[in-house]
Amino acid sequence: NIHNKKTGEKKMIRINIKTGNLIKVKSFTTFDSLIDFARLELSMLIGNDLPTFINEADALASKIWNTNVGQSIKTDMGHIISIAGKSRAGNVMLGDK
């Protein structure tokens, strides 16, 4: 598992996803739930190349998970994803005001 190699800790991450003029806010408490979202919502299968699709979606999820609060990334599909906050389970969310 590429997200919590050391301790298996749980984190919460809150992201803003901007597509055109629309902004959606999503929160994830596990890396696996972020992977599922990246595969279903942030990636597109081209042709029948499922292994490449899965690898690219999982790499995007990992990049999002490891991006710092206040930073953003742009996906190949044109989404701008900014990290609104992060916390370890039971702690105050970083980035909250």
Protein backbone atom coordinates (compact mmCIF):
# COMPACT_ATOMS: atom_id res chain seq x y z
CA ASN A 1 0.00 0.00 0.00
CA ILE A 2 1.68 3.19 -1.16
CA HIS A 3 -0.05 5.67 1.13
CA ASN A 4 0.76 4.60 4.69
CA LYS A 5 3.81 2.38 4.43
CA LYS A 6 5.05 3.07 7.96
CA THR A 7 2.21 3.02 10.43
CA GLY A 8 -1.12 2.40 8.74
CA GLU A 9 -2.37 5.67 10.22
CA LYS A 10 -5.63 7.17 9.04
CA LYS A 11 -5.68 10.66 7.61
CA MET A 12 -8.43 12.89 6.41
CA ILE A 13 -7.91 15.01 3.34
CA ARG A 14 -10.28 17.63 1.99
CA ILE A 15 -9.91 18.77 -1.61
CA ASN A 16 -11.52 21.36 -3.84
CA ILE A 17 -12.00 20.24 -7.43
CA LYS A 18 -12.48 23.02 -9.98
CA THR A 19 -13.79 22.11 -13.41
CA GLY A 20 -14.51 25.18 -15.51
CA ASN A 21 -16.57 27.43 -13.22
CA LEU A 22 -17.80 24.58 -11.01
CA ILE A 23 -16.11 23.83 -7.68
CA LYS A 24 -16.81 20.60 -5.81
CA VAL A 25 -15.52 19.84 -2.28
CA LYS A 26 -14.72 16.23 -1.38
CA SER A 27 -13.29 14.63 1.75
CA PHE A 28 -11.57 11.28 2.09
CA THR A 29 -10.57 9.40 5.24
CA THR A 30 -8.60 6.66 3.50
CA PHE A 31 -6.23 6.53 0.56
CA ASP A 32 -8.30 3.69 -0.93
CA SER A 33 -11.39 5.90 -1.08
CA LEU A 34 -9.34 8.56 -2.88
CA ILE A 35 -8.09 5.92 -5.36
CA ASP A 36 -11.69 4.88 -6.06
CA PHE A 37 -12.66 8.52 -6.65
CA ALA A 38 -9.66 9.12 -8.93
CA ARG A 39 -10.55 6.05 -11.00
CA LEU A 40 -14.25 6.93 -11.26
CA GLU A 41 -14.24 10.73 -11.46
CA LEU A 42 -10.81 12.10 -12.34
CA SER A 43 -9.54 9.72 -15.03
CA MET A 44 -10.71 8.48 -18.41
CA LEU A 45 -10.13 5.07 -19.98
CA ILE A 46 -8.91 5.45 -23.56
CA GLY A 47 -9.29 2.36 -25.70
CA ASN A 48 -8.95 -0.90 -23.80
CA ASP A 49 -5.73 -0.11 -21.95
CA LEU A 50 -7.03 -0.85 -18.44
CA PRO A 51 -3.61 -1.43 -16.78
CA THR A 52 -2.36 2.01 -17.89
CA PHE A 53 -5.64 3.62 -16.82
CA ILE A 54 -5.40 2.07 -13.33
CA ASN A 55 -1.72 2.99 -12.95
CA GLU A 56 -2.33 6.61 -13.98
CA ALA A 57 -5.42 7.00 -11.77
CA ASP A 58 -3.56 5.50 -8.80
CA ALA A 59 -0.56 7.77 -9.44
CA LEU A 60 -2.91 10.79 -9.51
CA ALA A 61 -4.47 9.68 -6.20
CA SER A 62 -1.00 9.34 -4.68
CA LYS A 63 0.01 12.78 -5.96
CA ILE A 64 -3.16 14.32 -4.45
CA TRP A 65 -2.64 12.48 -1.14
CA ASN A 66 0.94 13.76 -0.87
CA THR A 67 0.34 17.36 -1.99
CA ASN A 68 0.61 19.94 0.77
CA VAL A 69 -2.27 22.03 2.07
CA GLY A 70 -2.67 25.19 -0.01
CA GLN A 71 -1.08 23.68 -3.11
CA SER A 72 -2.87 22.56 -6.25
CA ILE A 73 -2.34 20.28 -9.20
CA LYS A 74 -3.94 20.09 -12.63
CA THR A 75 -5.15 16.77 -14.02
CA ASP A 76 -4.90 15.61 -17.63
CA MET A 77 -8.70 16.05 -17.84
CA GLY A 78 -8.42 19.74 -16.88
CA HIS A 79 -9.52 19.53 -13.24
CA ILE A 80 -7.66 21.82 -10.83
CA ILE A 81 -7.40 20.08 -7.48
CA SER A 82 -6.39 22.12 -4.47
CA ILE A 83 -5.73 20.69 -1.03
CA ALA A 84 -8.03 22.49 1.41
CA GLY A 85 -7.04 20.60 4.55
CA LYS A 86 -5.46 17.50 6.06
CA SER A 87 -5.47 15.88 9.46
CA ARG A 88 -4.49 12.68 11.16
CA ALA A 89 -7.42 10.79 12.63
CA GLY A 90 -8.57 12.52 15.80
CA ASN A 91 -6.60 15.73 15.22
CA VAL A 92 -7.64 19.17 14.05
CA MET A 93 -7.70 19.57 10.28
CA LEU A 94 -4.74 21.55 8.99
CA GLY A 95 -5.87 24.46 6.88
CA ASP A 96 -9.15 24.98 8.77
CA LYS A 97 -9.92 28.47 9.98
